[in-house]
Amino acid sequence: MTFFAAIFKVLIVGLILGAGLPAIFAGGMLAYSFGAGGEEADHVIHKPNPALKYLGIVLFLFVGLVIVTAVAWITRATVIHHFGIDLFPMLKK
């Protein structure tokens, strides 16, 4: 049963990071563009909405944080070996 549980965990993480991060980034792009306001191709004018603009920025920051954390997680053994700094001291090795 642990074999199937491991496969299920990998599947869930793959769906979240594989399809979820681009979807969150796309949502951030949409929120930021609607928040900026302006005129569309069919001459409809939208007023700026600061709340949507800040939501887009928060979503961009979240995606960036996940990417930086993933790179740090992947390279943690190299960083520990060369610099002696454990980036994730709360997790077991």
PDB file of N, CA and C in Angstrom:
ATOM      1  N   MET A   1       0.819  -1.196   0.000  1.00  0.00           N
ATOM      2  CA  MET A   1       0.000   0.000   0.000  1.00  0.00           C
ATOM      3  C   MET A   1       0.865   1.261   0.000  1.00  0.00           C
ATOM      4  N   THR A   2       2.048   1.198   0.592  1.00  0.00           N
ATOM      5  CA  THR A   2       2.888   2.386   0.629  1.00  0.00           C
ATOM      6  C   THR A   2       3.369   2.765  -0.771  1.00  0.00           C
ATOM      7  N   PHE A   3       3.490   1.781  -1.663  1.00  0.00           N
ATOM      8  CA  PHE A   3       3.876   2.072  -3.038  1.00  0.00           C
ATOM      9  C   PHE A   3       2.829   2.953  -3.713  1.00  0.00           C
ATOM     10  N   PHE A   4       1.558   2.627  -3.540  1.00  0.00           N
ATOM     11  CA  PHE A   4       0.481   3.414  -4.143  1.00  0.00           C
ATOM     12  C   PHE A   4       0.340   4.772  -3.464  1.00  0.00           C
ATOM     13  N   ALA A   5       0.596   4.828  -2.175  1.00  0.00           N
ATOM     14  CA  ALA A   5       0.548   6.114  -1.469  1.00  0.00           C
ATOM     15  C   ALA A   5       1.639   7.048  -1.972  1.00  0.00           C
ATOM     16  N   ALA A   6       2.818   6.496  -2.233  1.00  0.00           N
ATOM     17  CA  ALA A   6       3.920   7.308  -2.756  1.00  0.00           C
ATOM     18  C   ALA A   6       3.602   7.814  -4.162  1.00  0.00           C
ATOM     19  N   ILE A   7       3.039   6.956  -4.992  1.00  0.00           N
ATOM     20  CA  ILE A   7       2.660   7.370  -6.343  1.00  0.00           C
ATOM     21  C   ILE A   7       1.595   8.467  -6.275  1.00  0.00           C
ATOM     22  N   PHE A   8       0.646   8.323  -5.375  1.00  0.00           N
ATOM     23  CA  PHE A   8      -0.413   9.321  -5.227  1.00  0.00           C
ATOM     24  C   PHE A   8       0.162  10.669  -4.793  1.00  0.00           C
ATOM     25  N   LYS A   9       1.114  10.644  -3.853  1.00  0.00           N
ATOM     26  CA  LYS A   9       1.734  11.896  -3.403  1.00  0.00           C
ATOM     27  C   LYS A   9       2.491  12.579  -4.537  1.00  0.00           C
ATOM     28  N   VAL A  10       3.223  11.805  -5.323  1.00  0.00           N
ATOM     29  CA  VAL A  10       3.956  12.376  -6.454  1.00  0.00           C
ATOM     30  C   VAL A  10       2.985  12.944  -7.481  1.00  0.00           C
ATOM     31  N   LEU A  11       1.886  12.259  -7.710  1.00  0.00           N
ATOM     32  CA  LEU A  11       0.876  12.740  -8.652  1.00  0.00           C
ATOM     33  C   LEU A  11       0.280  14.069  -8.201  1.00  0.00           C
ATOM     34  N   ILE A  12      -0.051  14.184  -6.924  1.00  0.00           N
ATOM     35  CA  ILE A  12      -0.647  15.413  -6.397  1.00  0.00           C
ATOM     36  C   ILE A  12       0.343  16.574  -6.477  1.00  0.00           C
ATOM     37  N   VAL A  13       1.577  16.344  -6.066  1.00  0.00           N
ATOM     38  CA  VAL A  13       2.587  17.409  -6.124  1.00  0.00           C
ATOM     39  C   VAL A  13       2.857  17.805  -7.574  1.00  0.00           C
ATOM     40  N   GLY A  14       2.889  16.830  -8.470  1.00  0.00           N
ATOM     41  CA  GLY A  14       3.084  17.122  -9.883  1.00  0.00           C
ATOM     42  C   GLY A  14       1.958  17.957 -10.460  1.00  0.00           C
ATOM     43  N   LEU A  15       0.738  17.667 -10.063  1.00  0.00           N
ATOM     44  CA  LEU A  15      -0.390  18.469 -10.544  1.00  0.00           C
ATOM     45  C   LEU A  15      -0.351  19.887  -9.992  1.00  0.00           C
ATOM     46  N   ILE A  16       0.010  20.005  -8.718  1.00  0.00           N
ATOM     47  CA  ILE A  16       0.047  21.337  -8.105  1.00  0.00           C
ATOM     48  C   ILE A  16       1.160  22.179  -8.715  1.00  0.00           C
ATOM     49  N   LEU A  17       2.356  21.627  -8.779  1.00  0.00           N
ATOM     50  CA  LEU A  17       3.487  22.396  -9.289  1.00  0.00           C
ATOM     51  C   LEU A  17       3.527  22.422 -10.813  1.00  0.00           C
ATOM     52  N   GLY A  18       3.088  21.359 -11.448  1.00  0.00           N
ATOM     53  CA  GLY A  18       3.157  21.292 -12.897  1.00  0.00           C
ATOM     54  C   GLY A  18       2.097  22.121 -13.590  1.00  0.00           C
ATOM     55  N   ALA A  19       0.878  22.036 -13.132  1.00  0.00           N
ATOM     56  CA  ALA A  19      -0.213  22.780 -13.758  1.00  0.00           C
ATOM     57  C   ALA A  19      -0.684  23.932 -12.886  1.00  0.00           C
ATOM     58  N   GLY A  20      -0.460  23.828 -11.602  1.00  0.00           N
ATOM     59  CA  GLY A  20      -0.961  24.850 -10.692  1.00  0.00           C
ATOM     60  C   GLY A  20      -0.196  26.159 -10.747  1.00  0.00           C
ATOM     61  N   LEU A  21       1.138  26.088 -10.794  1.00  0.00           N
ATOM     62  CA  LEU A  21       1.929  27.325 -10.825  1.00  0.00           C
ATOM     63  C   LEU A  21       1.692  28.142 -12.090  1.00  0.00           C
ATOM     64  N   PRO A  22       1.672  27.542 -13.270  1.00  0.00           N
ATOM     65  CA  PRO A  22       1.336  28.351 -14.437  1.00  0.00           C
ATOM     66  C   PRO A  22      -0.075  28.930 -14.383  1.00  0.00           C
ATOM     67  N   ALA A  23      -1.010  28.190 -13.790  1.00  0.00           N
ATOM     68  CA  ALA A  23      -2.373  28.711 -13.657  1.00  0.00           C
ATOM     69  C   ALA A  23      -2.409  29.895 -12.687  1.00  0.00           C
ATOM     70  N   ILE A  24      -1.654  29.813 -11.595  1.00  0.00           N
ATOM     71  CA  ILE A  24      -1.590  30.933 -10.650  1.00  0.00           C
ATOM     72  C   ILE A  24      -0.927  32.138 -11.308  1.00  0.00           C
ATOM     73  N   PHE A  25       0.131  31.895 -12.084  1.00  0.00           N
ATOM     74  CA  PHE A  25       0.794  32.993 -12.790  1.00  0.00           C
ATOM     75  C   PHE A  25      -0.155  33.640 -13.804  1.00  0.00           C
ATOM     76  N   ALA A  26      -0.914  32.823 -14.525  1.00  0.00           N
ATOM     77  CA  ALA A  26      -1.877  33.354 -15.490  1.00  0.00           C
ATOM     78  C   ALA A  26      -2.966  34.160 -14.780  1.00  0.00           C
ATOM     79  N   GLY A  27      -3.411  33.683 -13.629  1.00  0.00           N
ATOM     80  CA  GLY A  27      -4.381  34.446 -12.842  1.00  0.00           C
ATOM     81  C   GLY A  27      -3.808  35.772 -12.379  1.00  0.00           C
ATOM     82  N   GLY A  28      -2.525  35.772 -12.023  1.00  0.00           N
ATOM     83  CA  GLY A  28      -1.864  37.017 -11.644  1.00  0.00           C
ATOM     84  C   GLY A  28      -1.768  37.990 -12.802  1.00  0.00           C
ATOM     85  N   MET A  29      -1.466  37.475 -13.997  1.00  0.00           N
ATOM     86  CA  MET A  29      -1.418  38.333 -15.182  1.00  0.00           C
ATOM     87  C   MET A  29      -2.786  38.944 -15.472  1.00  0.00           C
ATOM     88  N   LEU A  30      -3.819  38.130 -15.358  1.00  0.00           N
ATOM     89  CA  LEU A  30      -5.175  38.612 -15.609  1.00  0.00           C
ATOM     90  C   LEU A  30      -5.591  39.653 -14.574  1.00  0.00           C
ATOM     91  N   ALA A  31      -5.319  39.384 -13.297  1.00  0.00           N
ATOM     92  CA  ALA A  31      -5.674  40.329 -12.238  1.00  0.00           C
ATOM     93  C   ALA A  31      -4.903  41.631 -12.390  1.00  0.00           C
ATOM     94  N   TYR A  32      -3.614  41.533 -12.707  1.00  0.00           N
ATOM     95  CA  TYR A  32      -2.801  42.739 -12.851  1.00  0.00           C
ATOM     96  C   TYR A  32      -3.261  43.575 -14.040  1.00  0.00           C
ATOM     97  N   SER A  33      -3.596  42.919 -15.152  1.00  0.00           N
ATOM     98  CA  SER A  33      -4.013  43.682 -16.330  1.00  0.00           C
ATOM     99  C   SER A  33      -5.377  44.335 -16.111  1.00  0.00           C
ATOM    100  N   PHE A  34      -6.309  43.644 -15.450  1.00  0.00           N
ATOM    101  CA  PHE A  34      -7.593  44.280 -15.146  1.00  0.00           C
ATOM    102  C   PHE A  34      -7.433  45.364 -14.093  1.00  0.00           C
ATOM    103  N   GLY A  35      -6.470  45.194 -13.204  1.00  0.00           N
ATOM    104  CA  GLY A  35      -6.237  46.198 -12.171  1.00  0.00           C
ATOM    105  C   GLY A  35      -5.612  47.462 -12.718  1.00  0.00           C
ATOM    106  N   ALA A  36      -4.857  47.341 -13.801  1.00  0.00           N
ATOM    107  CA  ALA A  36      -4.216  48.524 -14.381  1.00  0.00           C
ATOM    108  C   ALA A  36      -5.211  49.405 -15.123  1.00  0.00           C
ATOM    109  N   GLY A  37      -6.326  48.836 -15.565  1.00  0.00           N
ATOM    110  CA  GLY A  37      -7.302  49.609 -16.326  1.00  0.00           C
ATOM    111  C   GLY A  37      -6.835  49.806 -17.753  1.00  0.00           C
ATOM    112  N   GLY A  38      -7.559  50.650 -18.483  1.00  0.00           N
ATOM    113  CA  GLY A  38      -7.187  50.948 -19.861  1.00  0.00           C
ATOM    114  C   GLY A  38      -8.295  50.613 -20.826  1.00  0.00           C
ATOM    115  N   GLU A  39      -7.955  50.676 -22.106  1.00  0.00           N
ATOM    116  CA  GLU A  39      -8.929  50.445 -23.165  1.00  0.00           C
ATOM    117  C   GLU A  39      -8.626  49.119 -23.855  1.00  0.00           C
ATOM    118  N   GLU A  40      -9.677  48.336 -24.084  1.00  0.00           N
ATOM    119  CA  GLU A  40      -9.519  47.063 -24.766  1.00  0.00           C
ATOM    120  C   GLU A  40      -9.647  47.248 -26.272  1.00  0.00           C
ATOM    121  N   ALA A  41      -9.519  46.156 -27.018  1.00  0.00           N
ATOM    122  CA  ALA A  41      -9.576  46.218 -28.481  1.00  0.00           C
ATOM    123  C   ALA A  41     -10.948  46.646 -28.988  1.00  0.00           C
ATOM    124  N   ASP A  42     -12.010  46.326 -28.241  1.00  0.00           N
ATOM    125  CA  ASP A  42     -13.356  46.710 -28.668  1.00  0.00           C
ATOM    126  C   ASP A  42     -13.779  48.056 -28.074  1.00  0.00           C
ATOM    127  N   HIS A  43     -12.816  48.859 -27.669  1.00  0.00           N
ATOM    128  CA  HIS A  43     -13.002  50.230 -27.162  1.00  0.00           C
ATOM    129  C   HIS A  43     -13.791  50.309 -25.864  1.00  0.00           C
ATOM    130  N   VAL A  44     -13.756  49.244 -25.071  1.00  0.00           N
ATOM    131  CA  VAL A  44     -14.353  49.272 -23.736  1.00  0.00           C
ATOM    132  C   VAL A  44     -13.282  49.775 -22.781  1.00  0.00           C
ATOM    133  N   ILE A  45     -13.629  50.800 -22.004  1.00  0.00           N
ATOM    134  CA  ILE A  45     -12.671  51.411 -21.085  1.00  0.00           C
ATOM    135  C   ILE A  45     -12.930  50.891 -19.674  1.00  0.00           C
ATOM    136  N   HIS A  46     -11.866  50.419 -19.034  1.00  0.00           N
ATOM    137  CA  HIS A  46     -11.943  49.934 -17.654  1.00  0.00           C
ATOM    138  C   HIS A  46     -11.209  50.910 -16.753  1.00  0.00           C
ATOM    139  N   LYS A  47     -11.815  51.192 -15.591  1.00  0.00           N
ATOM    140  CA  LYS A  47     -11.138  52.020 -14.595  1.00  0.00           C
ATOM    141  C   LYS A  47     -10.084  51.176 -13.874  1.00  0.00           C
ATOM    142  N   PRO A  48      -9.020  51.811 -13.411  1.00  0.00           N
ATOM    143  CA  PRO A  48      -8.021  51.060 -12.631  1.00  0.00           C
ATOM    144  C   PRO A  48      -8.612  50.544 -11.321  1.00  0.00           C
ATOM    145  N   ASN A  49      -8.219  49.345 -10.938  1.00  0.00           N
ATOM    146  CA  ASN A  49      -8.669  48.727  -9.694  1.00  0.00           C
ATOM    147  C   ASN A  49      -7.425  48.321  -8.904  1.00  0.00           C
ATOM    148  N   PRO A  50      -7.053  49.127  -7.896  1.00  0.00           N
ATOM    149  CA  PRO A  50      -5.824  48.825  -7.151  1.00  0.00           C
ATOM    150  C   PRO A  50      -5.843  47.463  -6.454  1.00  0.00           C
ATOM    151  N   ALA A  51      -7.006  47.006  -6.012  1.00  0.00           N
ATOM    152  CA  ALA A  51      -7.073  45.714  -5.318  1.00  0.00           C
ATOM    153  C   ALA A  51      -6.669  44.578  -6.258  1.00  0.00           C
ATOM    154  N   LEU A  52      -7.144  44.614  -7.491  1.00  0.00           N
ATOM    155  CA  LEU A  52      -6.763  43.573  -8.448  1.00  0.00           C
ATOM    156  C   LEU A  52      -5.293  43.677  -8.829  1.00  0.00           C
ATOM    157  N   LYS A  53      -4.798  44.902  -8.915  1.00  0.00           N
ATOM    158  CA  LYS A  53      -3.389  45.088  -9.249  1.00  0.00           C
ATOM    159  C   LYS A  53      -2.498  44.492  -8.152  1.00  0.00           C
ATOM    160  N   TYR A  54      -2.835  44.746  -6.888  1.00  0.00           N
ATOM    161  CA  TYR A  54      -2.050  44.189  -5.783  1.00  0.00           C
ATOM    162  C   TYR A  54      -2.216  42.675  -5.680  1.00  0.00           C
ATOM    163  N   LEU A  55      -3.396  42.161  -6.012  1.00  0.00           N
ATOM    164  CA  LEU A  55      -3.589  40.715  -6.027  1.00  0.00           C
ATOM    165  C   LEU A  55      -2.680  40.071  -7.071  1.00  0.00           C
ATOM    166  N   GLY A  56      -2.576  40.689  -8.239  1.00  0.00           N
ATOM    167  CA  GLY A  56      -1.670  40.183  -9.268  1.00  0.00           C
ATOM    168  C   GLY A  56      -0.237  40.177  -8.799  1.00  0.00           C
ATOM    169  N   ILE A  57       0.191  41.239  -8.119  1.00  0.00           N
ATOM    170  CA  ILE A  57       1.561  41.311  -7.603  1.00  0.00           C
ATOM    171  C   ILE A  57       1.803  40.232  -6.554  1.00  0.00           C
ATOM    172  N   VAL A  58       0.834  40.007  -5.681  1.00  0.00           N
ATOM    173  CA  VAL A  58       0.967  38.966  -4.652  1.00  0.00           C
ATOM    174  C   VAL A  58       1.075  37.586  -5.300  1.00  0.00           C
ATOM    175  N   LEU A  59       0.298  37.342  -6.337  1.00  0.00           N
ATOM    176  CA  LEU A  59       0.382  36.048  -7.026  1.00  0.00           C
ATOM    177  C   LEU A  59       1.736  35.872  -7.715  1.00  0.00           C
ATOM    178  N   PHE A  60       2.274  36.942  -8.319  1.00  0.00           N
ATOM    179  CA  PHE A  60       3.606  36.876  -8.921  1.00  0.00           C
ATOM    180  C   PHE A  60       4.655  36.557  -7.856  1.00  0.00           C
ATOM    181  N   LEU A  61       4.570  37.219  -6.715  1.00  0.00           N
ATOM    182  CA  LEU A  61       5.532  36.980  -5.638  1.00  0.00           C
ATOM    183  C   LEU A  61       5.447  35.551  -5.115  1.00  0.00           C
ATOM    184  N   PHE A  62       4.236  35.028  -5.025  1.00  0.00           N
ATOM    185  CA  PHE A  62       4.056  33.646  -4.565  1.00  0.00           C
ATOM    186  C   PHE A  62       4.727  32.668  -5.522  1.00  0.00           C
ATOM    187  N   VAL A  63       4.502  32.840  -6.819  1.00  0.00           N
ATOM    188  CA  VAL A  63       5.114  31.949  -7.808  1.00  0.00           C
ATOM    189  C   VAL A  63       6.640  32.066  -7.750  1.00  0.00           C
ATOM    190  N   GLY A  64       7.146  33.282  -7.627  1.00  0.00           N
ATOM    191  CA  GLY A  64       8.590  33.477  -7.516  1.00  0.00           C
ATOM    192  C   GLY A  64       9.164  32.824  -6.273  1.00  0.00           C
ATOM    193  N   LEU A  65       8.454  32.934  -5.147  1.00  0.00           N
ATOM    194  CA  LEU A  65       8.907  32.312  -3.903  1.00  0.00           C
ATOM    195  C   LEU A  65       8.949  30.790  -4.025  1.00  0.00           C
ATOM    196  N   VAL A  66       7.954  30.210  -4.671  1.00  0.00           N
ATOM    197  CA  VAL A  66       7.939  28.763  -4.859  1.00  0.00           C
ATOM    198  C   VAL A  66       9.112  28.326  -5.732  1.00  0.00           C
ATOM    199  N   ILE A  67       9.410  29.086  -6.777  1.00  0.00           N
ATOM    200  CA  ILE A  67      10.518  28.731  -7.669  1.00  0.00           C
ATOM    201  C   ILE A  67      11.855  28.835  -6.943  1.00  0.00           C
ATOM    202  N   VAL A  68      12.060  29.922  -6.195  1.00  0.00           N
ATOM    203  CA  VAL A  68      13.326  30.093  -5.465  1.00  0.00           C
ATOM    204  C   VAL A  68      13.477  29.011  -4.393  1.00  0.00           C
ATOM    205  N   THR A  69      12.393  28.683  -3.705  1.00  0.00           N
ATOM    206  CA  THR A  69      12.437  27.630  -2.691  1.00  0.00           C
ATOM    207  C   THR A  69      12.744  26.276  -3.323  1.00  0.00           C
ATOM    208  N   ALA A  70      12.172  26.003  -4.489  1.00  0.00           N
ATOM    209  CA  ALA A  70      12.439  24.732  -5.166  1.00  0.00           C
ATOM    210  C   ALA A  70      13.901  24.628  -5.591  1.00  0.00           C
ATOM    211  N   VAL A  71      14.454  25.712  -6.109  1.00  0.00           N
ATOM    212  CA  VAL A  71      15.867  25.691  -6.507  1.00  0.00           C
ATOM    213  C   VAL A  71      16.757  25.512  -5.275  1.00  0.00           C
ATOM    214  N   ALA A  72      16.426  26.191  -4.184  1.00  0.00           N
ATOM    215  CA  ALA A  72      17.206  26.036  -2.953  1.00  0.00           C
ATOM    216  C   ALA A  72      17.101  24.614  -2.412  1.00  0.00           C
ATOM    217  N   TRP A  73      15.926  23.994  -2.533  1.00  0.00           N
ATOM    218  CA  TRP A  73      15.735  22.626  -2.070  1.00  0.00           C
ATOM    219  C   TRP A  73      16.556  21.654  -2.915  1.00  0.00           C
ATOM    220  N   ILE A  74      16.574  21.864  -4.214  1.00  0.00           N
ATOM    221  CA  ILE A  74      17.312  20.970  -5.107  1.00  0.00           C
ATOM    222  C   ILE A  74      18.813  21.082  -4.864  1.00  0.00           C
ATOM    223  N   THR A  75      19.296  22.277  -4.590  1.00  0.00           N
ATOM    224  CA  THR A  75      20.741  22.498  -4.441  1.00  0.00           C
ATOM    225  C   THR A  75      21.201  22.507  -2.988  1.00  0.00           C
ATOM    226  N   ARG A  76      20.368  22.064  -2.058  1.00  0.00           N
ATOM    227  CA  ARG A  76      20.711  22.177  -0.640  1.00  0.00           C
ATOM    228  C   ARG A  76      21.953  21.382  -0.263  1.00  0.00           C
ATOM    229  N   ALA A  77      22.148  20.206  -0.833  1.00  0.00           N
ATOM    230  CA  ALA A  77      23.328  19.398  -0.492  1.00  0.00           C
ATOM    231  C   ALA A  77      24.610  20.075  -0.967  1.00  0.00           C
ATOM    232  N   THR A  78      24.557  20.684  -2.139  1.00  0.00           N
ATOM    233  CA  THR A  78      25.723  21.392  -2.654  1.00  0.00           C
ATOM    234  C   THR A  78      26.039  22.617  -1.813  1.00  0.00           C
ATOM    235  N   VAL A  79      25.008  23.346  -1.407  1.00  0.00           N
ATOM    236  CA  VAL A  79      25.209  24.534  -0.569  1.00  0.00           C
ATOM    237  C   VAL A  79      25.783  24.137   0.784  1.00  0.00           C
ATOM    238  N   ILE A  80      25.295  23.050   1.357  1.00  0.00           N
ATOM    239  CA  ILE A  80      25.830  22.577   2.638  1.00  0.00           C
ATOM    240  C   ILE A  80      27.292  22.155   2.471  1.00  0.00           C
ATOM    241  N   HIS A  81      27.595  21.465   1.390  1.00  0.00           N
ATOM    242  CA  HIS A  81      28.956  20.982   1.167  1.00  0.00           C
ATOM    243  C   HIS A  81      29.946  22.129   0.972  1.00  0.00           C
ATOM    244  N   HIS A  82      29.592  23.098   0.144  1.00  0.00           N
ATOM    245  CA  HIS A  82      30.550  24.157  -0.195  1.00  0.00           C
ATOM    246  C   HIS A  82      30.568  25.309   0.807  1.00  0.00           C
ATOM    247  N   PHE A  83      29.431  25.660   1.373  1.00  0.00           N
ATOM    248  CA  PHE A  83      29.357  26.833   2.241  1.00  0.00           C
ATOM    249  C   PHE A  83      29.071  26.517   3.701  1.00  0.00           C
ATOM    250  N   GLY A  84      28.617  25.308   3.992  1.00  0.00           N
ATOM    251  CA  GLY A  84      28.304  24.937   5.361  1.00  0.00           C
ATOM    252  C   GLY A  84      27.031  25.565   5.886  1.00  0.00           C
ATOM    253  N   ILE A  85      26.170  26.029   4.998  1.00  0.00           N
ATOM    254  CA  ILE A  85      24.912  26.671   5.386  1.00  0.00           C
ATOM    255  C   ILE A  85      23.772  25.715   5.074  1.00  0.00           C
ATOM    256  N   ASP A  86      22.972  25.406   6.092  1.00  0.00           N
ATOM    257  CA  ASP A  86      21.799  24.558   5.890  1.00  0.00           C
ATOM    258  C   ASP A  86      20.596  25.466   5.682  1.00  0.00           C
ATOM    259  N   LEU A  87      20.077  25.497   4.448  1.00  0.00           N
ATOM    260  CA  LEU A  87      18.956  26.373   4.110  1.00  0.00           C
ATOM    261  C   LEU A  87      17.641  25.909   4.707  1.00  0.00           C
ATOM    262  N   PHE A  88      17.556  24.621   5.040  1.00  0.00           N
ATOM    263  CA  PHE A  88      16.345  24.060   5.611  1.00  0.00           C
ATOM    264  C   PHE A  88      16.695  23.306   6.900  1.00  0.00           C
ATOM    265  N   PRO A  89      17.084  24.018   7.963  1.00  0.00           N
ATOM    266  CA  PRO A  89      17.514  23.320   9.177  1.00  0.00           C
ATOM    267  C   PRO A  89      16.372  22.616   9.906  1.00  0.00           C
ATOM    268  N   MET A  90      15.136  23.012   9.628  1.00  0.00           N
ATOM    269  CA  MET A  90      14.005  22.403  10.334  1.00  0.00           C
ATOM    270  C   MET A  90      13.633  21.041   9.784  1.00  0.00           C
ATOM    271  N   LEU A  91      14.189  20.659   8.631  1.00  0.00           N
ATOM    272  CA  LEU A  91      13.880  19.378   8.019  1.00  0.00           C
ATOM    273  C   LEU A  91      15.034  18.405   8.210  1.00  0.00           C
ATOM    274  N   LYS A  92      14.701  17.131   8.340  1.00  0.00           N
ATOM    275  CA  LYS A  92      15.753  16.129   8.508  1.00  0.00           C
ATOM    276  C   LYS A  92      16.466  15.905   7.183  1.00  0.00           C
ATOM    277  N   LYS A  93      17.692  15.454   7.274  1.00  0.00           N
ATOM    278  CA  LYS A  93      18.516  15.252   6.077  1.00  0.00           C
ATOM    279  C   LYS A  93      18.393  13.849   5.559  1.00  0.00           C
TER     280      LYS A  93
END
